[in-house]
Amino acid sequence: MSNHEPDGETLCIHSVCVTKIHQRKGIALYLLRKYIEKMKEMKNVKSIALISHDHFLGLYTKAGLNLVGESDVTHGPEKWYECRLTL
């Protein structure tokens, strides 16, 4: 996820942010699902990928992404996990 490939077939999501007072209301899930719907219309996007800490995995799997497993990314003390969705 460190290289930008303008003609690549995988879209990488780097973050989904909802302000604290609006969290836990389904907004992030709604936004992810709508975004995925839009990406399915794109002919060049074949998959969506992201990395996440374990406490956000429920959100991403509810949105339709599949847990691939632990990521080899090391940034900070927490483990990262890779999620992916084939469109």
N, C-alpha and C. Protein backbone atom coordinates (compact mmCIF):
# COMPACT_ATOMS: atom_id res chain seq x y z
N MET A 1 0.82 -1.20 0.00
CA MET A 1 0.00 0.00 0.00
C MET A 1 0.86 1.25 0.00
N SER A 2 2.12 1.10 -0.26
CA SER A 2 3.00 2.27 -0.26
C SER A 2 3.23 2.83 -1.66
N ASN A 3 2.80 2.11 -2.68
CA ASN A 3 2.99 2.58 -4.06
C ASN A 3 1.66 2.92 -4.70
N HIS A 4 1.65 4.04 -5.43
CA HIS A 4 0.46 4.43 -6.19
C HIS A 4 0.63 3.96 -7.62
N GLU A 5 -0.30 3.13 -8.08
CA GLU A 5 -0.29 2.66 -9.46
C GLU A 5 -1.56 3.17 -10.12
N PRO A 6 -1.48 4.27 -10.88
CA PRO A 6 -2.67 4.89 -11.47
C PRO A 6 -3.53 3.94 -12.30
N ASP A 7 -2.91 2.94 -12.90
CA ASP A 7 -3.66 1.98 -13.72
C ASP A 7 -3.90 0.66 -12.99
N GLY A 8 -3.66 0.64 -11.68
CA GLY A 8 -3.82 -0.58 -10.91
C GLY A 8 -5.27 -0.99 -10.79
N GLU A 9 -5.50 -2.25 -10.47
CA GLU A 9 -6.86 -2.80 -10.35
C GLU A 9 -7.33 -2.92 -8.90
N THR A 10 -6.44 -2.63 -7.95
CA THR A 10 -6.80 -2.70 -6.53
C THR A 10 -6.88 -1.30 -5.94
N LEU A 11 -8.02 -1.00 -5.35
CA LEU A 11 -8.20 0.28 -4.67
C LEU A 11 -7.93 0.05 -3.19
N CYS A 12 -7.04 0.84 -2.61
CA CYS A 12 -6.69 0.69 -1.20
C CYS A 12 -7.35 1.80 -0.39
N ILE A 13 -8.09 1.41 0.61
CA ILE A 13 -8.70 2.37 1.53
C ILE A 13 -7.72 2.60 2.67
N HIS A 14 -7.38 3.86 2.92
CA HIS A 14 -6.41 4.16 3.96
C HIS A 14 -7.05 4.53 5.28
N SER A 15 -8.26 5.05 5.26
CA SER A 15 -8.92 5.34 6.53
C SER A 15 -10.39 5.66 6.31
N VAL A 16 -11.17 5.37 7.33
CA VAL A 16 -12.58 5.74 7.38
C VAL A 16 -12.73 6.48 8.70
N CYS A 17 -13.04 7.76 8.62
CA CYS A 17 -13.07 8.59 9.83
C CYS A 17 -14.46 9.16 10.07
N VAL A 18 -14.92 9.01 11.29
CA VAL A 18 -16.19 9.59 11.73
C VAL A 18 -15.89 10.29 13.05
N THR A 19 -16.30 11.54 13.17
CA THR A 19 -16.04 12.30 14.38
C THR A 19 -16.66 11.61 15.59
N LYS A 20 -16.03 11.75 16.72
CA LYS A 20 -16.38 11.02 17.94
C LYS A 20 -17.88 11.09 18.28
N ILE A 21 -18.48 12.26 18.19
CA ILE A 21 -19.89 12.39 18.58
C ILE A 21 -20.84 11.66 17.64
N HIS A 22 -20.37 11.28 16.46
CA HIS A 22 -21.22 10.57 15.51
C HIS A 22 -20.85 9.09 15.35
N GLN A 23 -19.90 8.62 16.12
CA GLN A 23 -19.51 7.21 16.05
C GLN A 23 -20.58 6.33 16.66
N ARG A 24 -20.57 5.06 16.26
CA ARG A 24 -21.49 4.03 16.77
C ARG A 24 -22.95 4.28 16.35
N LYS A 25 -23.12 4.98 15.21
CA LYS A 25 -24.46 5.26 14.68
C LYS A 25 -24.66 4.63 13.30
N GLY A 26 -23.69 3.84 12.83
CA GLY A 26 -23.80 3.20 11.54
C GLY A 26 -23.33 4.05 10.36
N ILE A 27 -22.76 5.19 10.65
CA ILE A 27 -22.34 6.09 9.57
C ILE A 27 -21.18 5.50 8.77
N ALA A 28 -20.16 5.00 9.45
CA ALA A 28 -19.00 4.43 8.76
C ALA A 28 -19.43 3.23 7.91
N LEU A 29 -20.28 2.39 8.44
CA LEU A 29 -20.76 1.22 7.69
C LEU A 29 -21.55 1.66 6.47
N TYR A 30 -22.42 2.63 6.63
CA TYR A 30 -23.19 3.17 5.51
C TYR A 30 -22.26 3.73 4.43
N LEU A 31 -21.29 4.53 4.83
CA LEU A 31 -20.35 5.13 3.88
C LEU A 31 -19.55 4.06 3.14
N LEU A 32 -19.06 3.07 3.87
CA LEU A 32 -18.31 1.99 3.23
C LEU A 32 -19.15 1.23 2.22
N ARG A 33 -20.37 0.88 2.60
CA ARG A 33 -21.23 0.13 1.68
C ARG A 33 -21.55 0.94 0.43
N LYS A 34 -21.83 2.23 0.57
CA LYS A 34 -22.10 3.09 -0.59
C LYS A 34 -20.86 3.21 -1.47
N TYR A 35 -19.70 3.36 -0.84
CA TYR A 35 -18.46 3.47 -1.59
C TYR A 35 -18.18 2.19 -2.38
N ILE A 36 -18.40 1.05 -1.75
CA ILE A 36 -18.21 -0.24 -2.43
C ILE A 36 -19.16 -0.36 -3.62
N GLU A 37 -20.41 0.05 -3.44
CA GLU A 37 -21.38 0.04 -4.56
C GLU A 37 -20.85 0.86 -5.73
N LYS A 38 -20.34 2.04 -5.44
CA LYS A 38 -19.80 2.91 -6.50
C LYS A 38 -18.58 2.28 -7.17
N MET A 39 -17.73 1.64 -6.41
CA MET A 39 -16.54 1.03 -6.97
C MET A 39 -16.89 -0.17 -7.85
N LYS A 40 -17.99 -0.84 -7.56
CA LYS A 40 -18.43 -1.95 -8.41
C LYS A 40 -18.81 -1.47 -9.80
N GLU A 41 -19.17 -0.20 -9.94
CA GLU A 41 -19.50 0.38 -11.24
C GLU A 41 -18.25 0.73 -12.05
N MET A 42 -17.12 0.83 -11.40
CA MET A 42 -15.87 1.19 -12.07
C MET A 42 -15.32 -0.04 -12.79
N LYS A 43 -15.07 0.08 -14.05
CA LYS A 43 -14.60 -1.07 -14.84
C LYS A 43 -13.17 -1.47 -14.50
N ASN A 44 -12.33 -0.51 -14.09
CA ASN A 44 -10.93 -0.82 -13.85
C ASN A 44 -10.63 -1.31 -12.43
N VAL A 45 -11.55 -1.14 -11.49
CA VAL A 45 -11.33 -1.56 -10.11
C VAL A 45 -11.82 -3.00 -9.95
N LYS A 46 -10.89 -3.89 -9.62
CA LYS A 46 -11.21 -5.31 -9.49
C LYS A 46 -11.29 -5.77 -8.04
N SER A 47 -10.64 -5.01 -7.14
CA SER A 47 -10.68 -5.38 -5.72
C SER A 47 -10.42 -4.16 -4.85
N ILE A 48 -10.84 -4.28 -3.60
CA ILE A 48 -10.62 -3.25 -2.59
C ILE A 48 -9.83 -3.91 -1.47
N ALA A 49 -8.82 -3.19 -0.95
CA ALA A 49 -8.00 -3.72 0.12
C ALA A 49 -7.78 -2.65 1.19
N LEU A 50 -7.55 -3.12 2.40
CA LEU A 50 -7.20 -2.21 3.49
C LEU A 50 -6.51 -2.99 4.58
N ILE A 51 -5.84 -2.27 5.46
CA ILE A 51 -5.30 -2.88 6.67
C ILE A 51 -5.97 -2.22 7.86
N SER A 52 -6.11 -2.98 8.92
CA SER A 52 -6.88 -2.52 10.07
C SER A 52 -6.33 -3.12 11.35
N HIS A 53 -6.58 -2.43 12.45
CA HIS A 53 -6.35 -3.03 13.76
C HIS A 53 -7.55 -3.94 14.06
N ASP A 54 -7.36 -4.88 14.96
CA ASP A 54 -8.40 -5.89 15.21
C ASP A 54 -9.72 -5.29 15.69
N HIS A 55 -9.70 -4.18 16.40
CA HIS A 55 -10.95 -3.63 16.94
C HIS A 55 -11.85 -3.00 15.87
N PHE A 56 -11.36 -2.86 14.63
CA PHE A 56 -12.19 -2.35 13.53
C PHE A 56 -12.60 -3.45 12.55
N LEU A 57 -12.15 -4.66 12.75
CA LEU A 57 -12.42 -5.74 11.79
C LEU A 57 -13.91 -6.01 11.64
N GLY A 58 -14.68 -5.90 12.71
CA GLY A 58 -16.12 -6.11 12.63
C GLY A 58 -16.78 -5.15 11.66
N LEU A 59 -16.38 -3.91 11.69
CA LEU A 59 -16.91 -2.91 10.76
C LEU A 59 -16.62 -3.31 9.32
N TYR A 60 -15.38 -3.65 9.05
CA TYR A 60 -15.00 -3.95 7.67
C TYR A 60 -15.62 -5.24 7.15
N THR A 61 -15.75 -6.24 8.02
CA THR A 61 -16.39 -7.48 7.56
C THR A 61 -17.90 -7.27 7.36
N LYS A 62 -18.53 -6.44 8.18
CA LYS A 62 -19.95 -6.13 7.97
C LYS A 62 -20.17 -5.40 6.65
N ALA A 63 -19.17 -4.63 6.25
CA ALA A 63 -19.26 -3.89 4.98
C ALA A 63 -19.01 -4.80 3.78
N GLY A 64 -18.57 -6.04 4.02
CA GLY A 64 -18.39 -6.98 2.92
C GLY A 64 -16.97 -7.40 2.64
N LEU A 65 -16.00 -6.80 3.33
CA LEU A 65 -14.62 -7.20 3.12
C LEU A 65 -14.33 -8.49 3.86
N ASN A 66 -13.37 -9.24 3.39
CA ASN A 66 -13.00 -10.51 4.00
C ASN A 66 -11.65 -10.38 4.69
N LEU A 67 -11.55 -10.93 5.88
CA LEU A 67 -10.28 -10.94 6.59
C LEU A 67 -9.34 -11.92 5.91
N VAL A 68 -8.21 -11.43 5.44
CA VAL A 68 -7.21 -12.27 4.78
C VAL A 68 -6.28 -12.87 5.83
N GLY A 69 -5.92 -12.06 6.82
CA GLY A 69 -5.04 -12.52 7.87
C GLY A 69 -4.17 -11.39 8.37
N GLU A 70 -3.21 -11.75 9.18
CA GLU A 70 -2.30 -10.75 9.75
C GLU A 70 -1.45 -10.14 8.63
N SER A 71 -1.28 -8.84 8.68
CA SER A 71 -0.47 -8.13 7.69
C SER A 71 0.98 -8.12 8.12
N ASP A 72 1.88 -8.00 7.15
CA ASP A 72 3.30 -7.88 7.49
C ASP A 72 3.69 -6.42 7.75
N VAL A 73 2.72 -5.51 7.70
CA VAL A 73 2.97 -4.10 7.98
C VAL A 73 3.30 -3.94 9.47
N THR A 74 4.34 -3.18 9.76
CA THR A 74 4.67 -2.86 11.14
C THR A 74 4.69 -1.34 11.27
N HIS A 75 3.78 -0.85 12.07
CA HIS A 75 3.70 0.59 12.34
C HIS A 75 3.04 0.73 13.71
N GLY A 76 3.82 1.07 14.70
CA GLY A 76 3.29 1.15 16.05
C GLY A 76 3.26 -0.22 16.71
N PRO A 77 2.77 -0.26 17.95
CA PRO A 77 2.80 -1.51 18.72
C PRO A 77 1.70 -2.52 18.37
N GLU A 78 0.59 -2.06 17.78
CA GLU A 78 -0.52 -2.98 17.49
C GLU A 78 -0.30 -3.74 16.19
N LYS A 79 -0.85 -4.95 16.12
CA LYS A 79 -0.81 -5.74 14.89
C LYS A 79 -1.79 -5.16 13.88
N TRP A 80 -1.48 -5.35 12.62
CA TRP A 80 -2.35 -4.95 11.52
C TRP A 80 -2.88 -6.21 10.84
N TYR A 81 -4.10 -6.11 10.33
CA TYR A 81 -4.73 -7.23 9.63
C TYR A 81 -5.18 -6.75 8.25
N GLU A 82 -5.03 -7.62 7.27
CA GLU A 82 -5.41 -7.27 5.90
C GLU A 82 -6.83 -7.75 5.61
N CYS A 83 -7.59 -6.89 4.98
CA CYS A 83 -8.94 -7.24 4.51
C CYS A 83 -9.00 -6.94 3.02
N ARG A 84 -9.82 -7.72 2.32
CA ARG A 84 -9.90 -7.58 0.88
C ARG A 84 -11.30 -7.96 0.41
N LEU A 85 -11.72 -7.32 -0.67
CA LEU A 85 -12.99 -7.64 -1.31
C LEU A 85 -12.75 -7.70 -2.81
N THR A 86 -13.08 -8.82 -3.42
CA THR A 86 -13.01 -8.94 -4.87
C THR A 86 -14.34 -8.47 -5.42
N LEU A 87 -14.28 -7.55 -6.38
CA LEU A 87 -15.51 -6.99 -6.94
C LEU A 87 -15.96 -7.79 -8.15
